[in-house]
Each structure stands twice: as structure tokens, then as C-alpha cells.
N, C-alpha and C. Protein backbone atom coordinates (compact mmCIF):
# COMPACT_ATOMS: atom_id res chain seq x y z
N MET A 1 -179.74 55.32 67.18
CA MET A 1 -179.23 54.01 67.55
C MET A 1 -179.38 53.83 69.05
N PRO A 2 -179.75 52.65 69.56
CA PRO A 2 -180.06 52.49 70.98
C PRO A 2 -178.82 52.48 71.85
N THR A 3 -178.78 53.38 72.81
CA THR A 3 -177.62 53.41 73.70
C THR A 3 -177.99 53.77 75.13
N TYR A 4 -179.21 54.28 75.36
CA TYR A 4 -179.53 54.66 76.73
C TYR A 4 -179.67 53.40 77.57
N SER A 5 -179.56 53.54 78.87
CA SER A 5 -179.69 52.40 79.77
C SER A 5 -180.82 52.65 80.74
N GLN A 6 -180.91 51.80 81.76
CA GLN A 6 -181.97 52.02 82.74
C GLN A 6 -181.76 53.30 83.51
N PHE A 7 -180.57 53.89 83.46
CA PHE A 7 -180.34 55.17 84.12
C PHE A 7 -181.09 56.29 83.41
N HIS A 8 -181.37 56.10 82.13
CA HIS A 8 -182.04 57.12 81.34
C HIS A 8 -183.53 56.86 81.32
N SER A 9 -184.18 56.96 82.46
CA SER A 9 -185.62 56.72 82.50
C SER A 9 -186.31 57.80 83.33
N ASP A 10 -187.55 58.06 82.96
CA ASP A 10 -188.37 59.02 83.68
C ASP A 10 -189.58 58.28 84.23
N THR A 11 -190.15 58.80 85.30
CA THR A 11 -191.29 58.14 85.89
C THR A 11 -192.56 58.42 85.10
N GLN A 12 -192.61 59.46 84.31
CA GLN A 12 -193.77 59.79 83.52
C GLN A 12 -193.33 60.10 82.09
N CYS A 13 -194.23 59.79 81.15
CA CYS A 13 -193.93 60.10 79.76
C CYS A 13 -193.98 61.61 79.55
N GLN A 14 -192.93 62.15 79.01
CA GLN A 14 -192.83 63.59 78.76
C GLN A 14 -192.75 63.86 77.25
N CYS A 15 -193.31 62.93 76.47
CA CYS A 15 -192.99 62.96 75.05
C CYS A 15 -193.61 64.10 74.28
N GLN A 16 -194.87 64.46 74.56
CA GLN A 16 -195.55 65.37 73.65
C GLN A 16 -194.91 66.75 73.60
N LYS A 17 -194.44 67.24 74.71
CA LYS A 17 -193.86 68.58 74.72
C LYS A 17 -192.58 68.64 73.90
N ILE A 18 -191.71 67.65 74.06
CA ILE A 18 -190.45 67.65 73.31
C ILE A 18 -190.72 67.36 71.84
N ILE A 19 -191.72 66.54 71.53
CA ILE A 19 -192.08 66.29 70.14
C ILE A 19 -192.55 67.58 69.47
N THR A 20 -193.42 68.30 70.13
CA THR A 20 -193.94 69.55 69.58
C THR A 20 -192.82 70.56 69.36
N LEU A 21 -191.94 70.64 70.34
CA LEU A 21 -190.81 71.58 70.25
C LEU A 21 -189.90 71.22 69.07
N PHE A 22 -189.52 69.95 68.97
CA PHE A 22 -188.62 69.52 67.90
C PHE A 22 -189.27 69.69 66.53
N ASP A 23 -190.50 69.25 66.40
CA ASP A 23 -191.15 69.30 65.09
C ASP A 23 -191.33 70.73 64.61
N ALA A 24 -191.60 71.65 65.54
CA ALA A 24 -191.75 73.05 65.14
C ALA A 24 -190.46 73.61 64.56
N LEU A 25 -189.33 73.08 65.01
CA LEU A 25 -188.04 73.55 64.53
C LEU A 25 -187.59 72.89 63.23
N PHE A 26 -187.89 71.59 63.07
CA PHE A 26 -187.18 70.84 62.03
C PHE A 26 -188.04 70.10 61.00
N VAL A 27 -189.34 70.03 61.18
CA VAL A 27 -190.14 69.33 60.16
C VAL A 27 -190.04 70.05 58.82
N GLU A 28 -190.23 71.35 58.83
CA GLU A 28 -190.21 72.09 57.57
C GLU A 28 -188.79 72.26 57.02
N SER A 29 -187.86 72.58 57.89
CA SER A 29 -186.50 72.89 57.41
C SER A 29 -185.70 71.64 57.06
N ASP A 30 -185.91 70.55 57.78
CA ASP A 30 -185.09 69.35 57.59
C ASP A 30 -185.90 68.09 57.28
N ASN A 31 -187.20 68.26 57.10
CA ASN A 31 -188.07 67.12 56.78
C ASN A 31 -187.88 65.97 57.77
N THR A 32 -187.76 66.34 59.04
CA THR A 32 -187.49 65.36 60.09
C THR A 32 -188.42 65.59 61.26
N ARG A 33 -189.00 64.52 61.76
CA ARG A 33 -189.89 64.64 62.91
C ARG A 33 -189.48 63.67 64.00
N LEU A 34 -189.89 63.99 65.22
CA LEU A 34 -189.58 63.18 66.39
C LEU A 34 -190.79 62.31 66.71
N VAL A 35 -190.56 61.03 66.95
CA VAL A 35 -191.64 60.07 67.16
C VAL A 35 -191.41 59.28 68.44
N CYS A 36 -192.43 59.22 69.28
CA CYS A 36 -192.40 58.34 70.46
C CYS A 36 -192.85 56.96 70.01
N ALA A 37 -192.03 55.95 70.24
CA ALA A 37 -192.36 54.59 69.80
C ALA A 37 -193.69 54.13 70.38
N LEU A 38 -193.90 54.36 71.67
CA LEU A 38 -195.14 53.93 72.30
C LEU A 38 -196.35 54.64 71.70
N CYS A 39 -196.23 55.94 71.52
CA CYS A 39 -197.35 56.70 70.96
C CYS A 39 -197.63 56.30 69.51
N ASP A 40 -196.63 55.73 68.86
CA ASP A 40 -196.77 55.28 67.48
C ASP A 40 -197.26 53.83 67.41
N GLY A 41 -197.63 53.29 68.57
CA GLY A 41 -198.17 51.94 68.60
C GLY A 41 -197.13 50.84 68.56
N ARG A 42 -195.87 51.17 68.88
CA ARG A 42 -194.80 50.16 68.86
C ARG A 42 -194.61 49.64 70.28
N HIS A 43 -194.95 48.40 70.48
CA HIS A 43 -194.89 47.82 71.81
C HIS A 43 -193.93 46.63 71.83
N GLY A 44 -193.55 46.21 73.02
CA GLY A 44 -192.65 45.07 73.15
C GLY A 44 -191.31 45.34 72.50
N GLU A 45 -190.86 44.41 71.67
CA GLU A 45 -189.56 44.55 71.02
C GLU A 45 -189.52 45.71 70.04
N LEU A 46 -190.67 46.20 69.61
CA LEU A 46 -190.72 47.31 68.66
C LEU A 46 -190.54 48.66 69.36
N ASP A 47 -190.65 48.66 70.69
CA ASP A 47 -190.50 49.91 71.45
C ASP A 47 -189.02 50.16 71.69
N GLU A 48 -188.31 50.46 70.63
CA GLU A 48 -186.87 50.70 70.67
C GLU A 48 -186.53 51.94 69.85
N PRO A 49 -185.43 52.63 70.22
CA PRO A 49 -185.03 53.81 69.46
C PRO A 49 -184.43 53.43 68.11
N VAL A 50 -184.73 54.23 67.11
CA VAL A 50 -184.20 53.97 65.77
C VAL A 50 -184.37 55.24 64.93
N TYR A 51 -183.46 55.43 63.99
CA TYR A 51 -183.62 56.52 63.02
C TYR A 51 -184.08 55.91 61.71
N GLU A 52 -185.19 56.43 61.17
CA GLU A 52 -185.79 55.90 59.95
C GLU A 52 -185.82 56.99 58.88
N PRO A 53 -185.01 56.86 57.84
CA PRO A 53 -185.05 57.86 56.77
C PRO A 53 -186.34 57.77 55.97
N ALA A 54 -186.69 58.86 55.32
CA ALA A 54 -187.88 58.88 54.48
C ALA A 54 -187.76 57.84 53.37
N ASN A 55 -188.90 57.27 52.98
CA ASN A 55 -188.92 56.31 51.89
C ASN A 55 -190.27 56.39 51.19
N THR A 56 -190.62 55.40 50.42
CA THR A 56 -191.88 55.44 49.67
C THR A 56 -193.09 55.36 50.58
N GLU A 57 -192.91 54.91 51.82
CA GLU A 57 -194.02 54.76 52.75
C GLU A 57 -194.15 55.92 53.71
N ARG A 58 -193.11 56.72 53.88
CA ARG A 58 -193.18 57.87 54.78
C ARG A 58 -192.43 59.03 54.15
N THR A 59 -193.02 60.20 54.22
CA THR A 59 -192.45 61.37 53.55
C THR A 59 -191.40 62.07 54.40
N CYS A 60 -191.44 61.86 55.71
CA CYS A 60 -190.49 62.51 56.62
C CYS A 60 -189.50 61.51 57.19
N HIS A 61 -188.27 61.97 57.42
CA HIS A 61 -187.34 61.20 58.24
C HIS A 61 -187.91 61.16 59.66
N GLN A 62 -187.64 60.09 60.39
CA GLN A 62 -188.17 59.93 61.74
C GLN A 62 -187.07 59.57 62.74
N ILE A 63 -187.02 60.34 63.82
CA ILE A 63 -186.18 60.00 64.96
C ILE A 63 -187.11 59.37 65.99
N VAL A 64 -186.98 58.08 66.18
CA VAL A 64 -187.88 57.35 67.07
C VAL A 64 -187.19 57.11 68.41
N PHE A 65 -187.83 57.53 69.49
CA PHE A 65 -187.25 57.28 70.82
C PHE A 65 -188.14 56.32 71.60
N ALA A 66 -187.56 55.71 72.62
CA ALA A 66 -188.20 54.57 73.28
C ALA A 66 -188.91 54.94 74.58
N HIS A 67 -189.96 54.18 74.86
CA HIS A 67 -190.64 54.14 76.16
C HIS A 67 -191.23 55.47 76.63
N GLY A 68 -191.30 56.45 75.75
CA GLY A 68 -191.77 57.76 76.18
C GLY A 68 -190.81 58.50 77.08
N TYR A 69 -189.53 58.08 77.11
CA TYR A 69 -188.55 58.69 78.00
C TYR A 69 -187.99 59.97 77.39
N PHE A 70 -188.01 61.02 78.17
CA PHE A 70 -187.45 62.30 77.75
C PHE A 70 -185.97 62.14 77.41
N ALA A 71 -185.23 61.41 78.24
CA ALA A 71 -183.80 61.24 78.01
C ALA A 71 -183.52 60.47 76.73
N SER A 72 -184.35 59.50 76.42
CA SER A 72 -184.19 58.77 75.17
C SER A 72 -184.38 59.72 73.99
N ALA A 73 -185.37 60.61 74.08
CA ALA A 73 -185.59 61.59 73.02
C ALA A 73 -184.36 62.47 72.83
N LEU A 74 -183.80 62.99 73.92
CA LEU A 74 -182.62 63.84 73.82
C LEU A 74 -181.44 63.08 73.24
N HIS A 75 -181.29 61.82 73.62
CA HIS A 75 -180.15 61.04 73.12
C HIS A 75 -180.27 60.79 71.62
N GLU A 76 -181.43 60.40 71.17
CA GLU A 76 -181.59 60.12 69.74
C GLU A 76 -181.49 61.40 68.91
N ILE A 77 -182.01 62.49 69.43
CA ILE A 77 -181.86 63.79 68.75
C ILE A 77 -180.38 64.15 68.63
N SER A 78 -179.62 63.86 69.67
CA SER A 78 -178.18 64.18 69.67
C SER A 78 -177.46 63.44 68.55
N HIS A 79 -177.80 62.18 68.35
CA HIS A 79 -177.20 61.43 67.24
C HIS A 79 -177.54 62.08 65.91
N TRP A 80 -178.76 62.52 65.76
CA TRP A 80 -179.18 63.18 64.52
C TRP A 80 -178.39 64.47 64.32
N CYS A 81 -178.15 65.22 65.37
CA CYS A 81 -177.46 66.50 65.26
C CYS A 81 -176.03 66.34 64.76
N VAL A 82 -175.36 65.24 65.08
CA VAL A 82 -173.97 65.06 64.66
C VAL A 82 -173.84 64.26 63.37
N ALA A 83 -174.93 63.67 62.92
CA ALA A 83 -174.88 62.89 61.67
C ALA A 83 -174.83 63.83 60.47
N GLY A 84 -174.03 63.50 59.49
CA GLY A 84 -173.96 64.30 58.27
C GLY A 84 -175.13 63.98 57.34
N LYS A 85 -175.20 64.71 56.24
CA LYS A 85 -176.31 64.53 55.29
C LYS A 85 -176.37 63.10 54.75
N ALA A 86 -175.22 62.53 54.44
CA ALA A 86 -175.20 61.17 53.89
C ALA A 86 -175.73 60.16 54.90
N ARG A 87 -175.33 60.28 56.15
CA ARG A 87 -175.78 59.33 57.17
C ARG A 87 -177.28 59.49 57.44
N ARG A 88 -177.82 60.65 57.24
CA ARG A 88 -179.25 60.85 57.49
C ARG A 88 -180.12 60.20 56.42
N LEU A 89 -179.50 59.63 55.42
CA LEU A 89 -180.25 58.87 54.41
C LEU A 89 -180.22 57.37 54.69
N LEU A 90 -179.55 56.97 55.80
CA LEU A 90 -179.39 55.56 56.15
C LEU A 90 -180.12 55.24 57.44
N GLU A 91 -180.70 54.05 57.52
CA GLU A 91 -181.36 53.65 58.75
C GLU A 91 -180.33 53.60 59.88
N ASP A 92 -180.72 54.16 61.02
CA ASP A 92 -179.83 54.28 62.18
C ASP A 92 -178.51 54.93 61.80
N PHE A 93 -178.55 55.80 60.79
CA PHE A 93 -177.39 56.56 60.32
C PHE A 93 -176.27 55.65 59.81
N GLY A 94 -176.59 54.39 59.55
CA GLY A 94 -175.59 53.47 59.01
C GLY A 94 -174.56 53.02 60.02
N TYR A 95 -174.80 53.26 61.32
CA TYR A 95 -173.82 52.87 62.33
C TYR A 95 -173.92 51.38 62.64
N TRP A 96 -172.76 50.79 62.93
CA TRP A 96 -172.73 49.44 63.47
C TRP A 96 -173.26 49.48 64.89
N TYR A 97 -174.05 48.48 65.25
CA TYR A 97 -174.50 48.41 66.64
C TYR A 97 -174.58 46.96 67.08
N ARG A 98 -173.94 46.65 68.18
CA ARG A 98 -174.05 45.34 68.80
C ARG A 98 -174.66 45.53 70.17
N PRO A 99 -175.68 44.75 70.53
CA PRO A 99 -176.38 44.95 71.80
C PRO A 99 -175.47 44.80 73.01
N ASP A 100 -176.04 45.15 74.18
CA ASP A 100 -175.36 45.02 75.46
C ASP A 100 -174.74 43.63 75.58
N GLY A 101 -173.46 43.59 76.04
CA GLY A 101 -172.74 42.34 76.13
C GLY A 101 -171.51 42.34 75.24
N ARG A 102 -171.00 43.54 74.94
CA ARG A 102 -169.88 43.68 74.01
C ARG A 102 -168.54 43.35 74.69
N SER A 103 -167.59 42.88 73.87
CA SER A 103 -166.22 42.68 74.34
C SER A 103 -165.55 44.04 74.52
N GLN A 104 -164.35 44.05 75.09
CA GLN A 104 -163.64 45.31 75.29
C GLN A 104 -163.36 46.01 73.96
N GLN A 105 -162.95 45.25 72.96
CA GLN A 105 -162.68 45.85 71.65
C GLN A 105 -163.95 46.40 71.02
N GLN A 106 -165.03 45.64 71.10
CA GLN A 106 -166.31 46.11 70.58
C GLN A 106 -166.79 47.34 71.33
N GLN A 107 -166.55 47.35 72.65
CA GLN A 107 -166.98 48.49 73.45
C GLN A 107 -166.19 49.75 73.08
N THR A 108 -164.91 49.60 72.80
CA THR A 108 -164.09 50.75 72.40
C THR A 108 -164.63 51.36 71.11
N GLU A 109 -164.96 50.52 70.15
CA GLU A 109 -165.52 51.02 68.89
C GLU A 109 -166.86 51.68 69.13
N PHE A 110 -167.66 51.09 69.99
CA PHE A 110 -168.97 51.63 70.32
C PHE A 110 -168.85 53.03 70.93
N GLU A 111 -167.92 53.19 71.85
CA GLU A 111 -167.77 54.46 72.56
C GLU A 111 -167.29 55.58 71.64
N LYS A 112 -166.55 55.23 70.58
CA LYS A 112 -166.05 56.26 69.67
C LYS A 112 -167.18 57.07 69.05
N VAL A 113 -168.30 56.42 68.76
CA VAL A 113 -169.41 57.12 68.12
C VAL A 113 -170.39 57.69 69.14
N GLU A 114 -170.09 57.50 70.43
CA GLU A 114 -170.98 57.99 71.47
C GLU A 114 -170.53 59.28 72.13
N VAL A 115 -169.27 59.66 71.97
CA VAL A 115 -168.74 60.82 72.70
C VAL A 115 -169.49 62.10 72.32
N LYS A 116 -169.54 62.42 71.04
CA LYS A 116 -170.19 63.67 70.63
C LYS A 116 -171.69 63.68 70.91
N PRO A 117 -172.43 62.60 70.59
CA PRO A 117 -173.84 62.61 70.94
C PRO A 117 -174.10 62.77 72.43
N GLN A 118 -173.33 62.08 73.27
CA GLN A 118 -173.58 62.21 74.70
C GLN A 118 -173.14 63.56 75.24
N ALA A 119 -172.15 64.17 74.61
CA ALA A 119 -171.79 65.54 75.00
C ALA A 119 -172.95 66.49 74.72
N LEU A 120 -173.56 66.36 73.55
CA LEU A 120 -174.73 67.18 73.24
C LEU A 120 -175.90 66.86 74.15
N GLU A 121 -176.09 65.57 74.42
CA GLU A 121 -177.18 65.18 75.32
C GLU A 121 -177.02 65.83 76.69
N TRP A 122 -175.79 65.91 77.16
CA TRP A 122 -175.53 66.57 78.45
C TRP A 122 -175.96 68.03 78.39
N LEU A 123 -175.59 68.71 77.32
CA LEU A 123 -175.97 70.12 77.18
C LEU A 123 -177.48 70.27 77.06
N PHE A 124 -178.12 69.42 76.29
CA PHE A 124 -179.58 69.47 76.16
C PHE A 124 -180.25 69.20 77.51
N SER A 125 -179.68 68.28 78.28
CA SER A 125 -180.23 67.96 79.59
C SER A 125 -180.13 69.15 80.53
N LEU A 126 -178.99 69.83 80.52
CA LEU A 126 -178.84 71.02 81.35
C LEU A 126 -179.83 72.11 80.94
N ALA A 127 -179.99 72.30 79.63
CA ALA A 127 -180.94 73.31 79.15
C ALA A 127 -182.36 72.97 79.57
N SER A 128 -182.65 71.67 79.70
CA SER A 128 -183.98 71.20 80.07
C SER A 128 -184.14 71.01 81.57
N GLN A 129 -183.09 71.32 82.33
CA GLN A 129 -183.06 71.11 83.77
C GLN A 129 -183.31 69.64 84.13
N ARG A 130 -182.62 68.77 83.40
CA ARG A 130 -182.69 67.34 83.64
C ARG A 130 -181.32 66.82 84.05
N VAL A 131 -181.32 65.73 84.79
CA VAL A 131 -180.07 65.08 85.19
C VAL A 131 -179.55 64.26 84.02
N PHE A 132 -178.27 64.36 83.75
CA PHE A 132 -177.63 63.57 82.71
C PHE A 132 -176.70 62.55 83.34
N VAL A 133 -176.74 61.32 82.85
CA VAL A 133 -175.83 60.27 83.28
C VAL A 133 -175.20 59.69 82.03
N ALA A 134 -173.88 59.82 81.89
CA ALA A 134 -173.20 59.23 80.74
C ALA A 134 -173.33 57.71 80.82
N SER A 135 -173.58 57.10 79.69
CA SER A 135 -173.81 55.67 79.68
C SER A 135 -172.96 54.96 78.65
N ALA A 136 -172.07 54.08 79.12
CA ALA A 136 -171.32 53.21 78.21
C ALA A 136 -172.18 52.03 77.78
N ASP A 137 -173.30 51.80 78.46
CA ASP A 137 -174.36 50.90 78.01
C ASP A 137 -173.85 49.51 77.68
N ASN A 138 -173.14 48.90 78.61
CA ASN A 138 -172.63 47.56 78.36
C ASN A 138 -172.62 46.76 79.66
N LEU A 139 -173.76 46.75 80.33
CA LEU A 139 -173.84 46.17 81.67
C LEU A 139 -173.57 44.67 81.67
N ALA A 140 -173.87 44.00 80.55
CA ALA A 140 -173.69 42.55 80.49
C ALA A 140 -172.38 42.15 79.82
N GLY A 141 -171.57 43.12 79.45
CA GLY A 141 -170.33 42.82 78.74
C GLY A 141 -169.15 42.67 79.67
N GLU A 142 -167.95 42.67 79.09
CA GLU A 142 -166.74 42.56 79.89
C GLU A 142 -166.63 43.77 80.81
N GLU A 143 -166.18 43.53 82.03
CA GLU A 143 -166.02 44.61 83.00
C GLU A 143 -164.97 45.60 82.51
N CYS A 144 -165.31 46.88 82.56
CA CYS A 144 -164.35 47.89 82.12
C CYS A 144 -164.62 49.19 82.87
N ASN A 145 -163.61 50.02 82.95
CA ASN A 145 -163.70 51.31 83.61
C ASN A 145 -164.16 52.35 82.59
N ASP A 146 -165.25 53.03 82.88
CA ASP A 146 -165.80 53.98 81.91
C ASP A 146 -165.28 55.40 82.12
N LEU A 147 -164.27 55.58 83.00
CA LEU A 147 -163.79 56.93 83.28
C LEU A 147 -163.24 57.62 82.04
N ALA A 148 -162.45 56.93 81.24
CA ALA A 148 -161.89 57.55 80.04
C ALA A 148 -162.99 58.00 79.09
N PHE A 149 -164.02 57.20 78.97
CA PHE A 149 -165.16 57.58 78.13
C PHE A 149 -165.85 58.82 78.68
N ARG A 150 -166.10 58.85 79.97
CA ARG A 150 -166.77 60.00 80.57
C ARG A 150 -165.94 61.27 80.46
N LEU A 151 -164.62 61.13 80.61
CA LEU A 151 -163.75 62.29 80.45
C LEU A 151 -163.79 62.82 79.02
N ALA A 152 -163.87 61.92 78.05
CA ALA A 152 -163.98 62.35 76.65
C ALA A 152 -165.29 63.08 76.41
N VAL A 153 -166.36 62.59 77.03
CA VAL A 153 -167.67 63.25 76.89
C VAL A 153 -167.63 64.65 77.50
N SER A 154 -167.06 64.78 78.70
CA SER A 154 -167.03 66.09 79.35
C SER A 154 -166.15 67.07 78.58
N ALA A 155 -165.01 66.60 78.06
CA ALA A 155 -164.14 67.48 77.27
C ALA A 155 -164.86 67.96 76.01
N GLN A 156 -165.60 67.05 75.37
CA GLN A 156 -166.32 67.44 74.16
C GLN A 156 -167.46 68.40 74.48
N ALA A 157 -168.13 68.20 75.58
CA ALA A 157 -169.20 69.11 75.98
C ALA A 157 -168.65 70.51 76.21
N ARG A 158 -167.50 70.61 76.85
CA ARG A 158 -166.90 71.94 77.07
C ARG A 158 -166.47 72.55 75.73
N ALA A 159 -166.01 71.71 74.81
CA ALA A 159 -165.63 72.22 73.49
C ALA A 159 -166.83 72.81 72.77
N TYR A 160 -167.97 72.16 72.90
CA TYR A 160 -169.18 72.69 72.27
C TYR A 160 -169.57 74.05 72.87
N VAL A 161 -169.44 74.17 74.18
CA VAL A 161 -169.76 75.45 74.82
C VAL A 161 -168.78 76.54 74.38
N THR A 162 -167.50 76.18 74.28
CA THR A 162 -166.47 77.16 73.96
C THR A 162 -166.43 77.51 72.48
N HIS A 163 -166.55 76.50 71.62
CA HIS A 163 -166.34 76.70 70.19
C HIS A 163 -167.61 76.63 69.36
N GLY A 164 -168.72 76.25 69.99
CA GLY A 164 -169.98 76.20 69.27
C GLY A 164 -170.42 74.78 68.94
N MET A 165 -171.72 74.61 68.87
CA MET A 165 -172.33 73.32 68.54
C MET A 165 -172.67 73.28 67.06
N PRO A 166 -172.96 72.08 66.53
CA PRO A 166 -173.55 72.01 65.19
C PRO A 166 -174.80 72.88 65.13
N SER A 167 -175.11 73.40 63.96
CA SER A 167 -176.15 74.42 63.85
C SER A 167 -177.51 73.97 64.39
N GLN A 168 -177.92 72.76 64.06
CA GLN A 168 -179.24 72.31 64.54
C GLN A 168 -179.22 72.08 66.05
N ALA A 169 -178.09 71.61 66.56
CA ALA A 169 -177.97 71.43 68.01
C ALA A 169 -178.05 72.77 68.73
N ALA A 170 -177.40 73.78 68.18
CA ALA A 170 -177.43 75.11 68.80
C ALA A 170 -178.84 75.67 68.81
N LEU A 171 -179.57 75.46 67.72
CA LEU A 171 -180.95 75.94 67.65
C LEU A 171 -181.83 75.24 68.67
N LEU A 172 -181.69 73.92 68.77
CA LEU A 172 -182.48 73.18 69.74
C LEU A 172 -182.10 73.55 71.16
N PHE A 173 -180.80 73.68 71.43
CA PHE A 173 -180.35 74.06 72.77
C PHE A 173 -180.98 75.38 73.20
N SER A 174 -180.98 76.36 72.29
CA SER A 174 -181.57 77.66 72.61
C SER A 174 -183.06 77.53 72.92
N ARG A 175 -183.78 76.72 72.13
CA ARG A 175 -185.21 76.56 72.36
C ARG A 175 -185.49 75.81 73.66
N LEU A 176 -184.65 74.82 73.99
CA LEU A 176 -184.81 74.12 75.26
C LEU A 176 -184.59 75.07 76.43
N GLN A 177 -183.59 75.93 76.32
CA GLN A 177 -183.36 76.92 77.37
C GLN A 177 -184.58 77.83 77.55
N GLN A 178 -185.13 78.30 76.44
CA GLN A 178 -186.30 79.17 76.50
C GLN A 178 -187.50 78.46 77.12
N THR A 179 -187.64 77.17 76.82
CA THR A 179 -188.80 76.42 77.27
C THR A 179 -188.69 75.94 78.71
N TYR A 180 -187.50 75.47 79.09
CA TYR A 180 -187.34 74.85 80.41
C TYR A 180 -186.53 75.69 81.39
N GLY A 181 -185.87 76.74 80.92
CA GLY A 181 -185.18 77.65 81.82
C GLY A 181 -183.83 77.20 82.32
N GLY A 182 -183.24 76.18 81.70
CA GLY A 182 -181.93 75.71 82.14
C GLY A 182 -180.80 76.48 81.48
N ARG A 183 -179.58 76.18 81.89
CA ARG A 183 -178.41 76.81 81.30
C ARG A 183 -177.23 75.84 81.39
N ALA A 184 -176.21 76.08 80.62
CA ALA A 184 -175.03 75.23 80.64
C ALA A 184 -173.79 76.10 80.70
N THR A 185 -172.99 75.93 81.74
CA THR A 185 -171.74 76.66 81.88
C THR A 185 -170.59 75.67 82.00
N LEU A 186 -169.39 76.13 81.73
CA LEU A 186 -168.24 75.23 81.73
C LEU A 186 -168.07 74.52 83.06
N ASP A 187 -168.30 75.20 84.16
CA ASP A 187 -168.08 74.58 85.47
C ASP A 187 -169.05 73.45 85.76
N GLN A 188 -170.16 73.37 84.99
CA GLN A 188 -171.09 72.26 85.17
C GLN A 188 -170.66 71.00 84.42
N LEU A 189 -169.66 71.13 83.57
CA LEU A 189 -169.31 70.06 82.64
C LEU A 189 -168.03 69.33 83.04
N TYR A 190 -167.92 69.05 84.32
CA TYR A 190 -166.81 68.26 84.86
C TYR A 190 -167.39 67.17 85.74
N TRP A 191 -166.76 66.01 85.70
CA TRP A 191 -167.12 64.94 86.62
C TRP A 191 -166.40 65.15 87.95
N PRO A 192 -166.91 64.60 89.01
CA PRO A 192 -166.24 64.76 90.31
C PRO A 192 -164.79 64.29 90.29
N GLU A 193 -164.48 63.30 89.45
CA GLU A 193 -163.11 62.77 89.40
C GLU A 193 -162.11 63.76 88.81
N GLU A 194 -162.58 64.73 88.02
CA GLU A 194 -161.63 65.65 87.39
C GLU A 194 -161.59 66.99 88.09
N GLY A 195 -162.71 67.63 88.34
CA GLY A 195 -162.72 68.90 89.04
C GLY A 195 -162.36 70.05 88.14
N ALA A 196 -163.17 71.10 88.12
CA ALA A 196 -162.98 72.22 87.21
C ALA A 196 -161.67 72.96 87.46
N ASP A 197 -161.20 72.99 88.70
CA ASP A 197 -159.98 73.74 89.01
C ASP A 197 -158.71 72.95 88.73
N GLU A 198 -158.85 71.62 88.58
CA GLU A 198 -157.67 70.78 88.42
C GLU A 198 -157.47 70.29 87.00
N CYS A 199 -158.51 70.38 86.18
CA CYS A 199 -158.44 69.80 84.84
C CYS A 199 -157.58 70.66 83.93
N THR A 200 -156.59 70.04 83.29
CA THR A 200 -155.69 70.80 82.43
C THR A 200 -155.59 70.21 81.04
N GLU A 201 -156.43 69.18 80.75
CA GLU A 201 -156.30 68.53 79.45
C GLU A 201 -156.77 69.46 78.34
N GLU A 202 -156.23 69.26 77.14
CA GLU A 202 -156.68 70.04 76.00
C GLU A 202 -158.10 69.64 75.64
N THR A 203 -158.87 70.63 75.24
CA THR A 203 -160.26 70.39 74.89
C THR A 203 -160.39 70.28 73.40
N PRO A 204 -161.15 69.26 72.89
CA PRO A 204 -161.31 69.15 71.46
C PRO A 204 -161.99 70.38 70.88
N THR A 205 -161.67 70.71 69.66
CA THR A 205 -162.21 71.92 69.04
C THR A 205 -163.17 71.65 67.91
N ASN A 206 -163.29 70.39 67.48
CA ASN A 206 -164.18 70.06 66.37
C ASN A 206 -165.62 70.00 66.86
N ALA A 207 -166.45 70.93 66.41
CA ALA A 207 -167.82 71.00 66.91
C ALA A 207 -168.76 70.16 66.09
N ALA A 208 -168.34 69.64 64.97
CA ALA A 208 -169.28 68.89 64.12
C ALA A 208 -169.23 67.41 64.45
């Protein structure tokens, strides 16, 4: 489901390496492949992220990411990692999505389904030695403070490090570390506003 913003952009397309890495892990085991929208000939309005389950026209489920952006690939993969088996049979995992310009209530609902994926995206970004920017992705909507959302993302990211990630996420994280040489430690998973030495909030324990 589309959630990255202009902050999630790269100057060059990095798609083929991450596609090869993902497909080697999950095409056979999960019948799922990673697709760059641009490389698939999707231009203009069609160059958007989407999850497409297998059907009579395609034998594999497809995680489609936008614009050849590495960060878009990591974000869409993260949604797949937290989706259950039932949701993986639905287009865009069956999630409600309203474009940029949401009200405060709509934004709250939107953020609820973004915490775990963005927590995983942060870990994948660290493993890949990439910069991660949490995105509430509502630049045209009602003005709101995204600190609570970012704190929820950081707490969930630390929970994944402490208690474990979903199995496919853990496998991908390990392969990203091997490929790109990054690492993720608890002290990296705090925003400047909280600080590793001052944070005392309870960390969520649900890794799925």
C-alpha cells in the first residue's frame, strides 16, 4: 500500500539488486516476487506501489514498488512481512487507503497500520546502510504532530530487536546484513526527542 513520501527517494534506481535478493529468498518458498513498477513498464499513474496476489493471469504474488526507489522496495516488503496468510490473498492486503490529505481521524487510522511496517523498514534500512525517515505521509492533510507516531515506530523497532521479527523479516534482515554490511542495535533506534538514556516507556512485545 502506498505510504512513502518524497523523503523516501534515491537519486539512482537500485532495484535489480534488491529484486534479485528478495526473489532468491521467497519466490520458491512463498510464491512471491518483488517487482519494480518502472521496470515492469508501469509509467505515470501506474508507477505506484501495490501488492497483487496471484490470479489466473499471474502465477506469483507480486510486491510492486514505485519509481525504482530502494526505500519504496523496503517499505512494501515490510508490509508483506507483517501481513498474515489471509491478507496476502487480497490486493494491497485488503487495507483501507485514502490518499494524502487525510483528516486527523483518518490519519490516526492510517498510522495504526503503519507502525509495524515502518519499524521493520527502519531495521531493513540499517541492515542496508540506508537512511530511514519515518513518514506519516499526509503533507496535504490537517496539520498534526507526528511525534507520537514516530515514538511508536521506534518502540516497535526495539521490540523486534529484543524479541524477534516475523520469520520472513528476520530472514531478509540477515541477508541484507550479509549483502550490505549494516547492523541494527538498540541505541540506533531512538529519535533525538527521546534519547536512549532517558527513554523509560514499555516496549511492545508482539513481533508479528
